[in-house]
Amino acid sequence: MYKTKEALGLTFNEHRTNALAKYSGARKNIRLLKYYFYYFYYYYYYYYYYYYYYYYCYYYYYYYYYYYYYYYYYYYYYFYYFYCYYYYYYYFYYYYYYYYYYYYYYYYYYL
């Protein structure tokens, strides 16, 4: 009994063609996957570099801010020292005035 092509299925050449097509498609997919993986790796590396740059910039900014804070602290300390000195001077002046007043009062009392 003669069996048709549909009954036998695909011929060897057709199987070979489909297998090559599938293999080339798989290679194409692997190539794309490698490309995407490489792209992802590059993107990740770029992101890491950007993050590192951002971290460095943030660190530099933090250092600058710390320096500014230190400068502000120094200014504040200087201002505090100046205020303390002014207060001390004022206190000394007040004490001197008080002493002078006391001396005057004492002198007036003993006249």
N, C-alpha and C. Protein backbone atom coordinates (compact mmCIF):
# COMPACT_ATOMS: atom_id res chain seq x y z
N MET A 1 0.86 -1.18 0.00
CA MET A 1 0.00 0.00 0.00
C MET A 1 0.90 1.24 0.00
N TYR A 2 0.58 2.17 -0.90
CA TYR A 2 1.38 3.38 -1.02
C TYR A 2 1.00 4.36 0.06
N LYS A 3 1.98 4.75 0.80
CA LYS A 3 1.73 5.72 1.87
C LYS A 3 2.08 7.12 1.37
N THR A 4 1.21 8.02 1.64
CA THR A 4 1.41 9.39 1.17
C THR A 4 2.41 10.12 2.05
N LYS A 5 2.77 11.27 1.56
CA LYS A 5 3.73 12.12 2.29
C LYS A 5 3.14 12.60 3.61
N GLU A 6 1.84 12.86 3.61
CA GLU A 6 1.18 13.32 4.83
C GLU A 6 1.18 12.21 5.89
N ALA A 7 1.06 10.96 5.42
CA ALA A 7 1.07 9.85 6.34
C ALA A 7 2.46 9.59 6.88
N LEU A 8 3.45 9.70 6.02
CA LEU A 8 4.83 9.50 6.47
C LEU A 8 5.34 10.69 7.28
N GLY A 9 4.73 11.81 7.08
CA GLY A 9 5.20 13.01 7.75
C GLY A 9 6.19 13.75 6.87
N LEU A 10 7.04 14.48 7.46
CA LEU A 10 8.00 15.30 6.71
C LEU A 10 9.16 14.45 6.24
N THR A 11 9.72 14.85 5.15
CA THR A 11 10.88 14.17 4.62
C THR A 11 12.13 14.55 5.40
N PHE A 12 13.23 13.87 5.06
CA PHE A 12 14.49 14.13 5.76
C PHE A 12 14.99 15.55 5.52
N ASN A 13 14.84 16.01 4.30
CA ASN A 13 15.28 17.37 3.97
C ASN A 13 14.46 18.43 4.70
N GLU A 14 13.18 18.15 4.79
CA GLU A 14 12.31 19.10 5.50
C GLU A 14 12.63 19.10 6.99
N HIS A 15 12.91 17.91 7.52
CA HIS A 15 13.33 17.83 8.94
C HIS A 15 14.64 18.60 9.15
N ARG A 16 15.53 18.39 8.18
CA ARG A 16 16.83 19.06 8.26
C ARG A 16 16.65 20.58 8.16
N THR A 17 15.79 21.00 7.29
CA THR A 17 15.55 22.45 7.12
C THR A 17 14.94 23.05 8.38
N ASN A 18 13.98 22.34 8.94
CA ASN A 18 13.35 22.84 10.17
C ASN A 18 14.33 22.83 11.35
N ALA A 19 15.16 21.78 11.37
CA ALA A 19 16.16 21.69 12.45
C ALA A 19 17.18 22.82 12.33
N LEU A 20 17.59 23.09 11.10
CA LEU A 20 18.53 24.19 10.89
C LEU A 20 17.89 25.54 11.22
N ALA A 21 16.63 25.65 10.87
CA ALA A 21 15.91 26.90 11.17
C ALA A 21 15.78 27.08 12.68
N LYS A 22 15.46 25.97 13.34
CA LYS A 22 15.34 26.04 14.80
C LYS A 22 16.70 26.32 15.44
N TYR A 23 17.74 25.66 14.88
CA TYR A 23 19.09 25.86 15.42
C TYR A 23 19.57 27.29 15.19
N SER A 24 19.31 27.79 13.99
CA SER A 24 19.70 29.17 13.71
C SER A 24 18.88 30.15 14.54
N GLY A 25 17.61 29.80 14.75
CA GLY A 25 16.77 30.64 15.62
C GLY A 25 17.26 30.62 17.05
N ALA A 26 17.69 29.43 17.49
CA ALA A 26 18.23 29.31 18.85
C ALA A 26 19.53 30.07 18.98
N ARG A 27 20.36 29.96 17.93
CA ARG A 27 21.62 30.73 17.94
C ARG A 27 21.32 32.22 17.95
N LYS A 28 20.32 32.58 17.18
CA LYS A 28 19.93 33.99 17.15
C LYS A 28 19.44 34.43 18.53
N ASN A 29 18.65 33.58 19.16
CA ASN A 29 18.14 33.91 20.50
C ASN A 29 19.26 33.97 21.53
N ILE A 30 20.21 33.02 21.40
CA ILE A 30 21.36 33.03 22.31
C ILE A 30 22.20 34.28 22.09
N ARG A 31 22.36 34.63 20.81
CA ARG A 31 23.11 35.83 20.50
C ARG A 31 22.40 37.07 21.06
N LEU A 32 21.10 37.08 20.92
CA LEU A 32 20.34 38.19 21.49
C LEU A 32 20.41 38.18 23.01
N LEU A 33 20.36 36.98 23.56
CA LEU A 33 20.46 36.86 25.02
C LEU A 33 21.82 37.34 25.50
N LYS A 34 22.86 36.94 24.76
CA LYS A 34 24.19 37.41 25.11
C LYS A 34 24.29 38.92 24.96
N TYR A 35 23.65 39.40 23.90
CA TYR A 35 23.66 40.84 23.68
C TYR A 35 22.93 41.57 24.80
N TYR A 36 21.79 41.03 25.18
CA TYR A 36 21.03 41.64 26.26
C TYR A 36 21.77 41.52 27.59
N PHE A 37 22.41 40.38 27.76
CA PHE A 37 23.18 40.20 28.98
C PHE A 37 24.35 41.17 29.02
N TYR A 38 24.99 41.32 27.88
CA TYR A 38 26.10 42.26 27.79
C TYR A 38 25.60 43.68 27.99
N TYR A 39 24.46 43.97 27.42
CA TYR A 39 23.85 45.28 27.58
C TYR A 39 23.47 45.51 29.05
N PHE A 40 22.92 44.48 29.64
CA PHE A 40 22.54 44.57 31.04
C PHE A 40 23.78 44.75 31.92
N TYR A 41 24.83 44.01 31.57
CA TYR A 41 26.07 44.13 32.32
C TYR A 41 26.66 45.51 32.14
N TYR A 42 26.63 46.02 30.94
CA TYR A 42 27.14 47.35 30.66
C TYR A 42 26.30 48.40 31.38
N TYR A 43 25.00 48.20 31.36
CA TYR A 43 24.09 49.11 32.04
C TYR A 43 24.32 49.06 33.55
N TYR A 44 24.51 47.85 34.04
CA TYR A 44 24.77 47.68 35.46
C TYR A 44 26.10 48.33 35.85
N TYR A 45 27.09 48.15 35.00
CA TYR A 45 28.39 48.75 35.24
C TYR A 45 28.29 50.27 35.18
N TYR A 46 27.53 50.74 34.22
CA TYR A 46 27.32 52.18 34.09
C TYR A 46 26.58 52.71 35.31
N TYR A 47 25.59 51.97 35.75
CA TYR A 47 24.82 52.35 36.93
C TYR A 47 25.71 52.34 38.17
N TYR A 48 26.56 51.34 38.25
CA TYR A 48 27.48 51.25 39.37
C TYR A 48 28.47 52.40 39.33
N TYR A 49 28.94 52.71 38.14
CA TYR A 49 29.86 53.83 37.98
C TYR A 49 29.17 55.13 38.33
N TYR A 50 27.95 55.27 37.90
CA TYR A 50 27.16 56.46 38.21
C TYR A 50 26.91 56.55 39.71
N TYR A 51 26.61 55.42 40.29
CA TYR A 51 26.38 55.37 41.73
C TYR A 51 27.66 55.72 42.48
N TYR A 52 28.77 55.19 41.99
CA TYR A 52 30.05 55.49 42.61
C TYR A 52 30.39 56.97 42.46
N TYR A 53 30.12 57.51 41.29
CA TYR A 53 30.35 58.92 41.05
C TYR A 53 29.44 59.77 41.93
N TYR A 54 28.20 59.32 42.03
CA TYR A 54 27.24 60.03 42.88
C TYR A 54 27.67 59.94 44.34
N TYR A 55 28.14 58.78 44.74
CA TYR A 55 28.60 58.59 46.10
C TYR A 55 29.82 59.45 46.37
N TYR A 56 30.71 59.51 45.38
CA TYR A 56 31.90 60.33 45.52
C TYR A 56 31.52 61.81 45.58
N CYS A 57 30.58 62.18 44.75
CA CYS A 57 30.10 63.55 44.74
C CYS A 57 29.41 63.86 46.07
N TYR A 58 28.63 62.90 46.55
CA TYR A 58 27.95 63.08 47.82
C TYR A 58 28.96 63.15 48.95
N TYR A 59 29.99 62.32 48.86
CA TYR A 59 31.03 62.33 49.87
C TYR A 59 31.79 63.65 49.83
N TYR A 60 32.05 64.12 48.62
CA TYR A 60 32.72 65.40 48.46
C TYR A 60 31.84 66.53 48.98
N TYR A 61 30.56 66.43 48.69
CA TYR A 61 29.61 67.43 49.17
C TYR A 61 29.52 67.37 50.70
N TYR A 62 29.51 66.15 51.21
CA TYR A 62 29.46 65.97 52.65
C TYR A 62 30.73 66.52 53.30
N TYR A 63 31.86 66.27 52.63
CA TYR A 63 33.12 66.79 53.13
C TYR A 63 33.13 68.31 53.08
N TYR A 64 32.61 68.84 51.99
CA TYR A 64 32.51 70.29 51.84
C TYR A 64 31.56 70.86 52.88
N TYR A 65 30.45 70.14 53.09
CA TYR A 65 29.49 70.57 54.10
C TYR A 65 30.10 70.48 55.49
N TYR A 66 30.89 69.44 55.72
CA TYR A 66 31.57 69.29 56.99
C TYR A 66 32.59 70.40 57.18
N TYR A 67 33.27 70.74 56.10
CA TYR A 67 34.23 71.83 56.15
C TYR A 67 33.52 73.15 56.40
N TYR A 68 32.39 73.30 55.73
CA TYR A 68 31.58 74.49 55.94
C TYR A 68 31.05 74.52 57.37
N TYR A 69 30.63 73.37 57.86
CA TYR A 69 30.15 73.27 59.23
C TYR A 69 31.28 73.57 60.21
N TYR A 70 32.46 73.07 59.87
CA TYR A 70 33.62 73.34 60.70
C TYR A 70 33.95 74.83 60.69
N TYR A 71 33.83 75.42 59.51
CA TYR A 71 34.06 76.85 59.40
C TYR A 71 33.00 77.61 60.19
N TYR A 72 31.77 77.15 60.10
CA TYR A 72 30.69 77.75 60.86
C TYR A 72 30.91 77.57 62.35
N TYR A 73 31.39 76.38 62.71
CA TYR A 73 31.69 76.11 64.10
C TYR A 73 32.82 77.00 64.57
N TYR A 74 33.81 77.19 63.73
CA TYR A 74 34.92 78.06 64.06
C TYR A 74 34.44 79.50 64.20
N TYR A 75 33.57 79.89 63.29
CA TYR A 75 32.99 81.22 63.34
C TYR A 75 32.14 81.38 64.60
N TYR A 76 31.38 80.34 64.89
CA TYR A 76 30.56 80.35 66.08
C TYR A 76 31.44 80.39 67.32
N TYR A 77 32.50 79.63 67.31
CA TYR A 77 33.43 79.61 68.42
C TYR A 77 34.10 80.96 68.58
N TYR A 78 34.45 81.55 67.45
CA TYR A 78 35.05 82.87 67.47
C TYR A 78 34.06 83.90 67.99
N PHE A 79 32.85 83.77 67.52
CA PHE A 79 31.81 84.67 67.99
C PHE A 79 31.55 84.45 69.47
N TYR A 80 31.53 83.21 69.90
CA TYR A 80 31.34 82.89 71.30
C TYR A 80 32.50 83.42 72.12
N TYR A 81 33.69 83.26 71.59
CA TYR A 81 34.86 83.76 72.27
C TYR A 81 34.82 85.28 72.36
N PHE A 82 34.41 85.89 71.28
CA PHE A 82 34.28 87.35 71.25
C PHE A 82 33.21 87.81 72.23
N TYR A 83 32.12 87.08 72.25
CA TYR A 83 31.04 87.39 73.18
C TYR A 83 31.50 87.19 74.62
N CYS A 84 32.22 86.16 74.85
CA CYS A 84 32.75 85.89 76.18
C CYS A 84 33.74 86.98 76.57
N TYR A 85 34.56 87.34 75.60
CA TYR A 85 35.51 88.40 75.85
C TYR A 85 34.79 89.71 76.12
N TYR A 86 33.77 89.97 75.36
CA TYR A 86 32.97 91.17 75.54
C TYR A 86 32.27 91.14 76.90
N TYR A 87 31.75 89.99 77.22
CA TYR A 87 31.09 89.83 78.50
C TYR A 87 32.09 90.00 79.63
N TYR A 88 33.26 89.45 79.44
CA TYR A 88 34.31 89.58 80.44
C TYR A 88 34.74 91.04 80.56
N TYR A 89 34.86 91.68 79.44
CA TYR A 89 35.23 93.08 79.43
C TYR A 89 34.14 93.92 80.09
N TYR A 90 32.92 93.59 79.77
CA TYR A 90 31.79 94.29 80.37
C TYR A 90 31.75 94.02 81.87
N TYR A 91 31.99 92.81 82.23
CA TYR A 91 32.01 92.44 83.63
C TYR A 91 33.15 93.16 84.35
N PHE A 92 34.27 93.20 83.70
CA PHE A 92 35.42 93.88 84.26
C PHE A 92 35.13 95.38 84.41
N TYR A 93 34.52 95.91 83.39
CA TYR A 93 34.16 97.32 83.42
C TYR A 93 33.13 97.57 84.51
N TYR A 94 32.18 96.71 84.63
CA TYR A 94 31.17 96.83 85.65
C TYR A 94 31.80 96.67 87.03
N TYR A 95 32.70 95.75 87.14
CA TYR A 95 33.39 95.54 88.39
C TYR A 95 34.24 96.75 88.74
N TYR A 96 34.88 97.29 87.75
CA TYR A 96 35.69 98.48 87.96
C TYR A 96 34.81 99.66 88.36
N TYR A 97 33.68 99.79 87.72
CA TYR A 97 32.74 100.84 88.04
C TYR A 97 32.20 100.65 89.45
N TYR A 98 31.89 99.44 89.75
CA TYR A 98 31.39 99.13 91.06
C TYR A 98 32.46 99.39 92.12
N TYR A 99 33.66 99.02 91.81
CA TYR A 99 34.77 99.25 92.71
C TYR A 99 35.01 100.74 92.89
N TYR A 100 34.92 101.47 91.82
CA TYR A 100 35.07 102.91 91.87
C TYR A 100 33.95 103.53 92.70
N TYR A 101 32.77 103.04 92.47
CA TYR A 101 31.62 103.53 93.22
C TYR A 101 31.78 103.18 94.70
N TYR A 102 32.21 102.01 94.98
CA TYR A 102 32.42 101.58 96.34
C TYR A 102 33.52 102.40 96.99
N TYR A 103 34.53 102.64 96.25
CA TYR A 103 35.64 103.42 96.77
C TYR A 103 35.18 104.85 97.03
N TYR A 104 34.40 105.37 96.13
CA TYR A 104 33.87 106.72 96.29
C TYR A 104 32.94 106.78 97.51
N TYR A 105 32.14 105.78 97.65
CA TYR A 105 31.23 105.71 98.78
C TYR A 105 32.01 105.55 100.08
N TYR A 106 33.02 104.75 100.02
CA TYR A 106 33.86 104.53 101.19
C TYR A 106 34.60 105.82 101.55
N TYR A 107 35.06 106.50 100.55
CA TYR A 107 35.76 107.76 100.76
C TYR A 107 34.80 108.81 101.31
N TYR A 108 33.63 108.85 100.76
CA TYR A 108 32.63 109.80 101.19
C TYR A 108 32.17 109.49 102.62
N TYR A 109 32.12 108.21 102.93
CA TYR A 109 31.69 107.80 104.25
C TYR A 109 32.71 108.19 105.31
N TYR A 110 33.95 108.11 104.93
CA TYR A 110 35.00 108.41 105.89
C TYR A 110 35.44 109.87 105.87
N LEU A 111 34.81 110.68 105.13
CA LEU A 111 35.15 112.10 105.17
C LEU A 111 34.64 112.74 106.42
